[in-house]
Amino acid sequence: MRTATSGVIKRDPVFADLRNIQDEFSRFFAGGLPRFFGNEEVFTGKWSPNVDIFENENSIVLEADLPGLKAEDFNLSIENYRLTLNGERKFEKEGKGENWHRVERSYGSFTRTFTLPNTVNVEEVKAEFKDGVLRVTLPKREEVKARNINVTVKSGQNGSTN
């Protein structure tokens, strides 16, 4: 509440505190809740491994973080130029009588599918799994790789019209 007295505006501290509380509620409901309600993974316990994909001259490389998994915990397949990675990270209890105070790591089944360009040679795909990281190398077909073309210059052809 503001009161004007001889050109000076006074602010009521009680209303200022209420305004701050209202701003905090607005931020919480505008930013926090849609994120939780819009993200079903928070409620279902599902997770999705993070993936990096990059390209070099000879191949496309996909790297997926699969911490805590073993090779038998996931499956990698290619069908109709679609690469699918699926599996499950299980929550395993350490021992009887333990009281968990917080569980922040995500567990559950996952599936990631990527559409591959037709420039990939699907017959030569290689995958390796080391230290919780799956690295899939997708080589490019020979006919789509960039190559230099040598240009031959013939003598006597300098562009003149004589």
N, C-alpha and C. Protein backbone atom coordinates (compact mmCIF):
# COMPACT_ATOMS: atom_id res chain seq x y z
N MET A 1 0.85 -1.17 0.00
CA MET A 1 0.00 0.00 0.00
C MET A 1 0.89 1.23 0.00
N ARG A 2 0.55 2.17 -0.86
CA ARG A 2 1.34 3.39 -0.96
C ARG A 2 0.50 4.58 -0.47
N THR A 3 1.15 5.45 0.23
CA THR A 3 0.50 6.69 0.63
C THR A 3 1.39 7.84 0.21
N ALA A 4 0.77 8.84 -0.37
CA ALA A 4 1.54 10.00 -0.84
C ALA A 4 1.42 11.12 0.19
N THR A 5 2.55 11.58 0.66
CA THR A 5 2.57 12.69 1.59
C THR A 5 3.67 13.64 1.16
N SER A 6 3.27 14.79 0.74
CA SER A 6 4.19 15.85 0.31
C SER A 6 5.26 15.32 -0.65
N GLY A 7 4.83 14.54 -1.67
CA GLY A 7 5.75 14.09 -2.71
C GLY A 7 6.55 12.86 -2.36
N VAL A 8 6.46 12.32 -1.14
CA VAL A 8 7.20 11.14 -0.72
C VAL A 8 6.25 9.94 -0.74
N ILE A 9 6.71 8.83 -1.33
CA ILE A 9 5.89 7.62 -1.38
C ILE A 9 6.41 6.65 -0.35
N LYS A 10 5.54 6.23 0.56
CA LYS A 10 5.92 5.26 1.58
C LYS A 10 5.42 3.88 1.15
N ARG A 11 6.22 2.86 1.43
CA ARG A 11 5.83 1.48 1.14
C ARG A 11 5.55 0.77 2.46
N ASP A 12 4.47 0.04 2.46
CA ASP A 12 4.11 -0.73 3.64
C ASP A 12 4.87 -2.06 3.58
N PRO A 13 5.75 -2.36 4.56
CA PRO A 13 6.55 -3.57 4.51
C PRO A 13 5.73 -4.86 4.52
N VAL A 14 4.57 -4.85 5.15
CA VAL A 14 3.73 -6.05 5.19
C VAL A 14 3.27 -6.41 3.78
N PHE A 15 2.82 -5.41 3.03
CA PHE A 15 2.37 -5.67 1.67
C PHE A 15 3.54 -6.03 0.76
N ALA A 16 4.71 -5.48 1.01
CA ALA A 16 5.89 -5.84 0.22
C ALA A 16 6.24 -7.32 0.43
N ASP A 17 6.15 -7.79 1.67
CA ASP A 17 6.42 -9.21 1.95
C ASP A 17 5.38 -10.10 1.29
N LEU A 18 4.12 -9.70 1.34
CA LEU A 18 3.08 -10.48 0.68
C LEU A 18 3.30 -10.53 -0.83
N ARG A 19 3.76 -9.43 -1.38
CA ARG A 19 4.04 -9.37 -2.83
C ARG A 19 5.18 -10.33 -3.18
N ASN A 20 6.22 -10.38 -2.32
CA ASN A 20 7.32 -11.31 -2.55
C ASN A 20 6.85 -12.76 -2.49
N ILE A 21 5.99 -13.08 -1.54
CA ILE A 21 5.45 -14.43 -1.43
C ILE A 21 4.62 -14.77 -2.67
N GLN A 22 3.81 -13.82 -3.12
CA GLN A 22 3.00 -14.04 -4.32
C GLN A 22 3.91 -14.28 -5.54
N ASP A 23 4.99 -13.52 -5.64
CA ASP A 23 5.94 -13.70 -6.75
C ASP A 23 6.57 -15.09 -6.70
N GLU A 24 6.93 -15.56 -5.49
CA GLU A 24 7.51 -16.89 -5.35
C GLU A 24 6.52 -17.97 -5.76
N PHE A 25 5.26 -17.85 -5.32
CA PHE A 25 4.24 -18.82 -5.75
C PHE A 25 4.06 -18.81 -7.26
N SER A 26 4.05 -17.64 -7.84
CA SER A 26 3.89 -17.53 -9.29
C SER A 26 5.03 -18.21 -10.02
N ARG A 27 6.24 -17.98 -9.55
CA ARG A 27 7.40 -18.63 -10.17
C ARG A 27 7.33 -20.14 -10.02
N PHE A 28 6.93 -20.60 -8.84
CA PHE A 28 6.84 -22.04 -8.60
C PHE A 28 5.81 -22.69 -9.52
N PHE A 29 4.62 -22.12 -9.58
CA PHE A 29 3.56 -22.73 -10.40
C PHE A 29 3.82 -22.56 -11.88
N ALA A 30 4.45 -21.47 -12.27
CA ALA A 30 4.74 -21.24 -13.69
C ALA A 30 5.91 -22.07 -14.16
N GLY A 31 6.93 -22.24 -13.33
CA GLY A 31 8.13 -22.94 -13.76
C GLY A 31 8.24 -24.36 -13.29
N GLY A 32 7.89 -24.63 -12.04
CA GLY A 32 8.13 -25.95 -11.47
C GLY A 32 7.10 -27.00 -11.83
N LEU A 33 5.85 -26.71 -11.64
CA LEU A 33 4.83 -27.74 -11.84
C LEU A 33 4.69 -28.21 -13.28
N PRO A 34 4.66 -27.33 -14.27
CA PRO A 34 4.56 -27.87 -15.63
C PRO A 34 5.72 -28.79 -15.97
N ARG A 35 6.90 -28.51 -15.43
CA ARG A 35 8.04 -29.37 -15.70
C ARG A 35 7.78 -30.77 -15.14
N PHE A 36 7.22 -30.85 -13.91
CA PHE A 36 6.95 -32.16 -13.33
C PHE A 36 5.78 -32.85 -14.02
N PHE A 37 4.68 -32.13 -14.22
CA PHE A 37 3.51 -32.75 -14.80
C PHE A 37 3.70 -33.05 -16.28
N GLY A 38 4.52 -32.28 -16.96
CA GLY A 38 4.76 -32.51 -18.38
C GLY A 38 5.79 -33.59 -18.64
N ASN A 39 6.50 -34.02 -17.62
CA ASN A 39 7.57 -34.99 -17.80
C ASN A 39 7.18 -36.27 -17.08
N GLU A 40 6.62 -37.23 -17.81
CA GLU A 40 6.12 -38.43 -17.17
C GLU A 40 7.24 -39.27 -16.57
N GLU A 41 8.50 -39.05 -16.99
CA GLU A 41 9.60 -39.82 -16.45
C GLU A 41 9.74 -39.61 -14.94
N VAL A 42 9.39 -38.43 -14.47
CA VAL A 42 9.50 -38.14 -13.04
C VAL A 42 8.59 -39.07 -12.26
N PHE A 43 7.42 -39.39 -12.80
CA PHE A 43 6.45 -40.19 -12.08
C PHE A 43 6.57 -41.68 -12.35
N THR A 44 7.02 -42.07 -13.52
CA THR A 44 7.06 -43.48 -13.85
C THR A 44 8.38 -44.13 -13.49
N GLY A 45 9.41 -43.35 -13.22
CA GLY A 45 10.70 -43.90 -12.88
C GLY A 45 11.51 -44.28 -14.11
N LYS A 46 11.00 -44.02 -15.29
CA LYS A 46 11.74 -44.35 -16.51
C LYS A 46 12.87 -43.35 -16.69
N TRP A 47 13.84 -43.76 -17.45
CA TRP A 47 14.94 -42.85 -17.75
C TRP A 47 15.35 -43.06 -19.18
N SER A 48 16.12 -42.17 -19.67
CA SER A 48 16.59 -42.22 -21.04
C SER A 48 18.06 -41.85 -21.05
N PRO A 49 18.92 -42.74 -21.54
CA PRO A 49 20.35 -42.42 -21.52
C PRO A 49 20.67 -41.23 -22.42
N ASN A 50 21.62 -40.42 -21.98
CA ASN A 50 22.06 -39.28 -22.78
C ASN A 50 22.90 -39.80 -23.95
N VAL A 51 22.74 -39.13 -25.09
CA VAL A 51 23.42 -39.56 -26.32
C VAL A 51 24.06 -38.37 -27.00
N ASP A 52 25.29 -38.56 -27.49
CA ASP A 52 25.96 -37.59 -28.34
C ASP A 52 26.10 -38.24 -29.72
N ILE A 53 25.86 -37.46 -30.77
CA ILE A 53 26.04 -37.96 -32.13
C ILE A 53 26.89 -36.94 -32.89
N PHE A 54 27.96 -37.42 -33.51
CA PHE A 54 28.80 -36.53 -34.30
C PHE A 54 29.22 -37.25 -35.57
N GLU A 55 29.75 -36.47 -36.49
CA GLU A 55 30.11 -37.01 -37.80
C GLU A 55 31.53 -36.59 -38.14
N ASN A 56 32.26 -37.51 -38.76
CA ASN A 56 33.56 -37.16 -39.31
C ASN A 56 33.56 -37.56 -40.79
N GLU A 57 34.70 -37.53 -41.40
CA GLU A 57 34.80 -37.78 -42.84
C GLU A 57 34.31 -39.17 -43.24
N ASN A 58 34.55 -40.15 -42.38
CA ASN A 58 34.27 -41.54 -42.75
C ASN A 58 33.05 -42.16 -42.09
N SER A 59 32.54 -41.55 -41.02
CA SER A 59 31.46 -42.22 -40.30
C SER A 59 30.65 -41.24 -39.45
N ILE A 60 29.53 -41.75 -38.96
CA ILE A 60 28.72 -41.07 -37.96
C ILE A 60 28.91 -41.88 -36.68
N VAL A 61 29.12 -41.20 -35.57
CA VAL A 61 29.40 -41.88 -34.31
C VAL A 61 28.34 -41.49 -33.29
N LEU A 62 27.80 -42.50 -32.61
CA LEU A 62 26.81 -42.29 -31.56
C LEU A 62 27.44 -42.80 -30.26
N GLU A 63 27.42 -41.97 -29.23
CA GLU A 63 27.91 -42.37 -27.91
C GLU A 63 26.78 -42.21 -26.92
N ALA A 64 26.48 -43.29 -26.19
CA ALA A 64 25.40 -43.28 -25.21
C ALA A 64 25.96 -43.58 -23.82
N ASP A 65 25.54 -42.78 -22.83
CA ASP A 65 25.94 -43.00 -21.45
C ASP A 65 25.03 -44.06 -20.84
N LEU A 66 25.63 -45.16 -20.40
CA LEU A 66 24.88 -46.25 -19.78
C LEU A 66 25.54 -46.63 -18.46
N PRO A 67 25.61 -45.68 -17.52
CA PRO A 67 26.33 -45.95 -16.27
C PRO A 67 25.67 -47.05 -15.46
N GLY A 68 26.51 -47.91 -14.91
CA GLY A 68 26.01 -48.98 -14.06
C GLY A 68 25.45 -50.18 -14.79
N LEU A 69 25.42 -50.14 -16.12
CA LEU A 69 24.89 -51.26 -16.88
C LEU A 69 26.01 -52.17 -17.34
N LYS A 70 25.63 -53.42 -17.61
CA LYS A 70 26.53 -54.38 -18.23
C LYS A 70 26.01 -54.61 -19.64
N ALA A 71 26.82 -55.20 -20.50
CA ALA A 71 26.43 -55.42 -21.89
C ALA A 71 25.15 -56.23 -22.00
N GLU A 72 24.90 -57.12 -21.06
CA GLU A 72 23.68 -57.93 -21.13
C GLU A 72 22.43 -57.18 -20.67
N ASP A 73 22.59 -55.94 -20.18
CA ASP A 73 21.45 -55.14 -19.73
C ASP A 73 20.79 -54.33 -20.83
N PHE A 74 21.38 -54.32 -22.03
CA PHE A 74 20.80 -53.54 -23.12
C PHE A 74 20.95 -54.29 -24.45
N ASN A 75 20.18 -53.83 -25.44
CA ASN A 75 20.18 -54.44 -26.77
C ASN A 75 20.31 -53.32 -27.80
N LEU A 76 21.07 -53.59 -28.84
CA LEU A 76 21.28 -52.63 -29.93
C LEU A 76 20.91 -53.34 -31.23
N SER A 77 20.04 -52.70 -32.04
CA SER A 77 19.63 -53.33 -33.29
C SER A 77 19.43 -52.27 -34.37
N ILE A 78 19.52 -52.73 -35.64
CA ILE A 78 19.24 -51.86 -36.78
C ILE A 78 18.25 -52.58 -37.68
N GLU A 79 17.20 -51.88 -38.05
CA GLU A 79 16.21 -52.41 -38.98
C GLU A 79 15.65 -51.25 -39.79
N ASN A 80 15.68 -51.40 -41.11
CA ASN A 80 15.17 -50.37 -42.02
C ASN A 80 15.74 -48.98 -41.72
N TYR A 81 17.05 -48.92 -41.54
CA TYR A 81 17.76 -47.66 -41.27
C TYR A 81 17.27 -46.98 -39.99
N ARG A 82 16.86 -47.78 -39.03
CA ARG A 82 16.49 -47.28 -37.70
C ARG A 82 17.32 -48.04 -36.67
N LEU A 83 18.12 -47.28 -35.92
CA LEU A 83 18.95 -47.86 -34.87
C LEU A 83 18.17 -47.75 -33.57
N THR A 84 18.02 -48.88 -32.87
CA THR A 84 17.27 -48.89 -31.61
C THR A 84 18.16 -49.40 -30.49
N LEU A 85 18.18 -48.65 -29.41
CA LEU A 85 18.89 -49.02 -28.19
C LEU A 85 17.84 -49.14 -27.10
N ASN A 86 17.75 -50.33 -26.50
CA ASN A 86 16.80 -50.48 -25.41
C ASN A 86 17.39 -51.37 -24.33
N GLY A 87 16.86 -51.25 -23.14
CA GLY A 87 17.36 -52.02 -22.02
C GLY A 87 16.71 -51.59 -20.73
N GLU A 88 17.38 -51.92 -19.64
CA GLU A 88 16.82 -51.59 -18.34
C GLU A 88 17.93 -51.41 -17.32
N ARG A 89 17.79 -50.37 -16.51
CA ARG A 89 18.68 -50.19 -15.36
C ARG A 89 17.83 -50.48 -14.13
N LYS A 90 18.22 -51.53 -13.41
CA LYS A 90 17.43 -51.99 -12.27
C LYS A 90 17.91 -51.38 -10.98
N PHE A 91 16.96 -51.12 -10.09
CA PHE A 91 17.27 -50.65 -8.75
C PHE A 91 17.48 -51.87 -7.88
N GLU A 92 18.70 -52.06 -7.43
CA GLU A 92 19.02 -53.23 -6.63
C GLU A 92 19.32 -52.79 -5.21
N LYS A 93 18.60 -53.36 -4.28
CA LYS A 93 18.78 -53.03 -2.87
C LYS A 93 20.06 -53.68 -2.36
N GLU A 94 20.80 -52.93 -1.59
CA GLU A 94 22.08 -53.41 -1.07
C GLU A 94 21.88 -54.47 0.01
N GLY A 95 21.00 -54.21 0.94
CA GLY A 95 20.84 -55.15 2.03
C GLY A 95 19.52 -54.95 2.76
N LYS A 96 19.20 -55.90 3.58
CA LYS A 96 17.95 -55.86 4.31
C LYS A 96 18.06 -54.85 5.46
N GLY A 97 16.99 -54.12 5.68
CA GLY A 97 16.95 -53.19 6.79
C GLY A 97 17.52 -51.81 6.51
N GLU A 98 17.93 -51.55 5.26
CA GLU A 98 18.45 -50.22 4.94
C GLU A 98 17.29 -49.26 4.72
N ASN A 99 17.44 -48.07 5.21
CA ASN A 99 16.43 -47.04 5.01
C ASN A 99 16.98 -46.02 4.03
N TRP A 100 16.39 -45.95 2.86
CA TRP A 100 16.84 -45.01 1.84
C TRP A 100 16.30 -43.63 2.19
N HIS A 101 17.18 -42.64 2.21
CA HIS A 101 16.78 -41.27 2.50
C HIS A 101 16.55 -40.47 1.23
N ARG A 102 17.21 -40.89 0.16
CA ARG A 102 17.05 -40.17 -1.10
C ARG A 102 17.46 -41.10 -2.23
N VAL A 103 16.68 -41.10 -3.31
CA VAL A 103 17.02 -41.84 -4.52
C VAL A 103 16.86 -40.86 -5.67
N GLU A 104 17.98 -40.37 -6.18
CA GLU A 104 17.94 -39.38 -7.26
C GLU A 104 18.27 -39.97 -8.62
N ARG A 105 18.97 -41.10 -8.63
CA ARG A 105 19.30 -41.72 -9.91
C ARG A 105 18.05 -42.38 -10.47
N SER A 106 17.90 -42.32 -11.78
CA SER A 106 16.73 -42.88 -12.43
C SER A 106 16.96 -44.34 -12.77
N TYR A 107 15.88 -45.11 -12.69
CA TYR A 107 15.93 -46.54 -12.97
C TYR A 107 14.74 -46.88 -13.86
N GLY A 108 14.82 -48.03 -14.47
CA GLY A 108 13.70 -48.52 -15.26
C GLY A 108 14.14 -48.85 -16.67
N SER A 109 13.15 -49.18 -17.49
CA SER A 109 13.44 -49.55 -18.87
C SER A 109 13.57 -48.29 -19.73
N PHE A 110 14.26 -48.43 -20.85
CA PHE A 110 14.43 -47.31 -21.77
C PHE A 110 14.46 -47.83 -23.19
N THR A 111 14.10 -46.95 -24.11
CA THR A 111 14.22 -47.21 -25.55
C THR A 111 14.57 -45.91 -26.23
N ARG A 112 15.61 -45.92 -27.03
CA ARG A 112 15.99 -44.78 -27.86
C ARG A 112 16.06 -45.28 -29.29
N THR A 113 15.41 -44.60 -30.22
CA THR A 113 15.44 -44.98 -31.62
C THR A 113 15.89 -43.80 -32.45
N PHE A 114 16.80 -44.06 -33.39
CA PHE A 114 17.36 -43.01 -34.24
C PHE A 114 17.22 -43.43 -35.70
N THR A 115 16.71 -42.53 -36.52
CA THR A 115 16.61 -42.79 -37.95
C THR A 115 17.96 -42.47 -38.57
N LEU A 116 18.52 -43.44 -39.28
CA LEU A 116 19.83 -43.27 -39.90
C LEU A 116 19.68 -42.76 -41.32
N PRO A 117 20.61 -41.94 -41.77
CA PRO A 117 20.58 -41.52 -43.18
C PRO A 117 20.93 -42.71 -44.07
N ASN A 118 20.46 -42.68 -45.30
CA ASN A 118 20.75 -43.79 -46.22
C ASN A 118 22.20 -43.79 -46.68
N THR A 119 22.99 -42.86 -46.21
CA THR A 119 24.42 -42.82 -46.53
C THR A 119 25.23 -43.77 -45.66
N VAL A 120 24.60 -44.37 -44.64
CA VAL A 120 25.29 -45.27 -43.72
C VAL A 120 25.34 -46.68 -44.31
N ASN A 121 26.48 -47.31 -44.18
CA ASN A 121 26.65 -48.71 -44.58
C ASN A 121 26.26 -49.57 -43.37
N VAL A 122 25.01 -50.00 -43.31
CA VAL A 122 24.51 -50.71 -42.13
C VAL A 122 25.16 -52.09 -41.96
N GLU A 123 25.77 -52.61 -43.01
CA GLU A 123 26.44 -53.92 -42.92
C GLU A 123 27.77 -53.84 -42.17
N GLU A 124 28.33 -52.64 -42.01
CA GLU A 124 29.66 -52.48 -41.41
C GLU A 124 29.63 -51.76 -40.06
N VAL A 125 28.48 -51.66 -39.43
CA VAL A 125 28.35 -50.96 -38.15
C VAL A 125 29.12 -51.72 -37.07
N LYS A 126 29.82 -50.97 -36.22
CA LYS A 126 30.58 -51.55 -35.11
C LYS A 126 30.16 -50.87 -33.81
N ALA A 127 30.15 -51.65 -32.73
CA ALA A 127 29.79 -51.09 -31.42
C ALA A 127 30.75 -51.63 -30.38
N GLU A 128 31.15 -50.75 -29.46
CA GLU A 128 31.97 -51.17 -28.34
C GLU A 128 31.44 -50.53 -27.07
N PHE A 129 31.59 -51.23 -25.97
CA PHE A 129 31.08 -50.78 -24.68
C PHE A 129 32.22 -50.79 -23.67
N LYS A 130 32.53 -49.61 -23.14
CA LYS A 130 33.65 -49.49 -22.21
C LYS A 130 33.35 -48.41 -21.18
N ASP A 131 33.57 -48.72 -19.92
CA ASP A 131 33.41 -47.77 -18.82
C ASP A 131 32.04 -47.09 -18.81
N GLY A 132 30.99 -47.85 -19.13
CA GLY A 132 29.63 -47.30 -19.09
C GLY A 132 29.25 -46.46 -20.29
N VAL A 133 30.08 -46.45 -21.33
CA VAL A 133 29.77 -45.68 -22.54
C VAL A 133 29.71 -46.63 -23.73
N LEU A 134 28.58 -46.60 -24.44
CA LEU A 134 28.42 -47.38 -25.66
C LEU A 134 28.79 -46.48 -26.83
N ARG A 135 29.71 -46.93 -27.66
CA ARG A 135 30.14 -46.16 -28.83
C ARG A 135 29.79 -46.97 -30.08
N VAL A 136 28.90 -46.42 -30.91
CA VAL A 136 28.47 -47.07 -32.14
C VAL A 136 29.04 -46.29 -33.31
N THR A 137 29.83 -46.96 -34.14
CA THR A 137 30.42 -46.32 -35.32
C THR A 137 29.66 -46.79 -36.55
N LEU A 138 29.07 -45.83 -37.25
CA LEU A 138 28.25 -46.08 -38.42
C LEU A 138 29.00 -45.57 -39.65
N PRO A 139 29.73 -46.45 -40.34
CA PRO A 139 30.54 -45.99 -41.48
C PRO A 139 29.67 -45.53 -42.65
N LYS A 140 30.19 -44.53 -43.36
CA LYS A 140 29.49 -44.03 -44.55
C LYS A 140 29.79 -44.96 -45.73
N ARG A 141 28.82 -45.07 -46.61
CA ARG A 141 29.05 -45.86 -47.83
C ARG A 141 30.12 -45.16 -48.66
N GLU A 142 30.92 -45.93 -49.35
CA GLU A 142 32.04 -45.40 -50.14
C GLU A 142 31.58 -44.36 -51.16
N GLU A 143 30.45 -44.59 -51.79
CA GLU A 143 30.02 -43.69 -52.86
C GLU A 143 29.57 -42.32 -52.36
N VAL A 144 29.36 -42.16 -51.07
CA VAL A 144 28.94 -40.85 -50.55
C VAL A 144 30.06 -40.09 -49.86
N LYS A 145 31.21 -40.71 -49.70
CA LYS A 145 32.34 -40.02 -49.08
C LYS A 145 32.87 -38.94 -50.01
N ALA A 146 33.26 -37.83 -49.43
CA ALA A 146 33.83 -36.73 -50.22
C ALA A 146 35.19 -37.14 -50.75
N ARG A 147 35.46 -36.77 -51.97
CA ARG A 147 36.78 -37.05 -52.56
C ARG A 147 37.18 -35.91 -53.48
N ASN A 148 38.47 -35.75 -53.59
CA ASN A 148 39.01 -34.72 -54.48
C ASN A 148 39.03 -35.24 -55.91
N ILE A 149 38.78 -34.35 -56.85
CA ILE A 149 38.83 -34.69 -58.26
C ILE A 149 39.96 -33.89 -58.89
N ASN A 150 40.89 -34.59 -59.49
CA ASN A 150 42.01 -33.92 -60.16
C ASN A 150 41.53 -33.38 -61.50
N VAL A 151 41.84 -32.13 -61.76
CA VAL A 151 41.48 -31.48 -63.02
C VAL A 151 42.74 -31.40 -63.87
N THR A 152 42.64 -31.90 -65.10
CA THR A 152 43.77 -31.87 -66.03
C THR A 152 43.63 -30.64 -66.92
N VAL A 153 44.69 -29.89 -67.05
CA VAL A 153 44.69 -28.70 -67.90
C VAL A 153 45.45 -29.06 -69.18
N LYS A 154 44.76 -28.92 -70.34
CA LYS A 154 45.39 -29.24 -71.62
C LYS A 154 46.05 -27.99 -72.18
N SER A 155 47.20 -28.16 -72.77
CA SER A 155 47.91 -27.01 -73.34
C SER A 155 47.23 -26.55 -74.62
N GLY A 156 47.31 -25.26 -74.90
CA GLY A 156 46.72 -24.68 -76.10
C GLY A 156 45.28 -24.25 -75.91
N GLN A 157 44.70 -24.50 -74.78
CA GLN A 157 43.34 -24.07 -74.52
C GLN A 157 43.34 -23.04 -73.40
N ASN A 158 43.56 -21.79 -73.79
CA ASN A 158 43.66 -20.73 -72.79
C ASN A 158 42.41 -19.85 -72.77
N GLY A 159 41.41 -20.26 -73.52
CA GLY A 159 40.17 -19.49 -73.49
C GLY A 159 40.07 -18.46 -74.60
N SER A 160 41.07 -18.35 -75.51
CA SER A 160 40.99 -17.36 -76.58
C SER A 160 40.11 -17.86 -77.71
N THR A 161 39.56 -16.98 -78.50
CA THR A 161 38.64 -17.34 -79.59
C THR A 161 39.33 -17.34 -80.94
N ASN A 162 40.62 -17.35 -81.03
CA ASN A 162 41.34 -17.32 -82.31
C ASN A 162 41.31 -18.62 -82.99
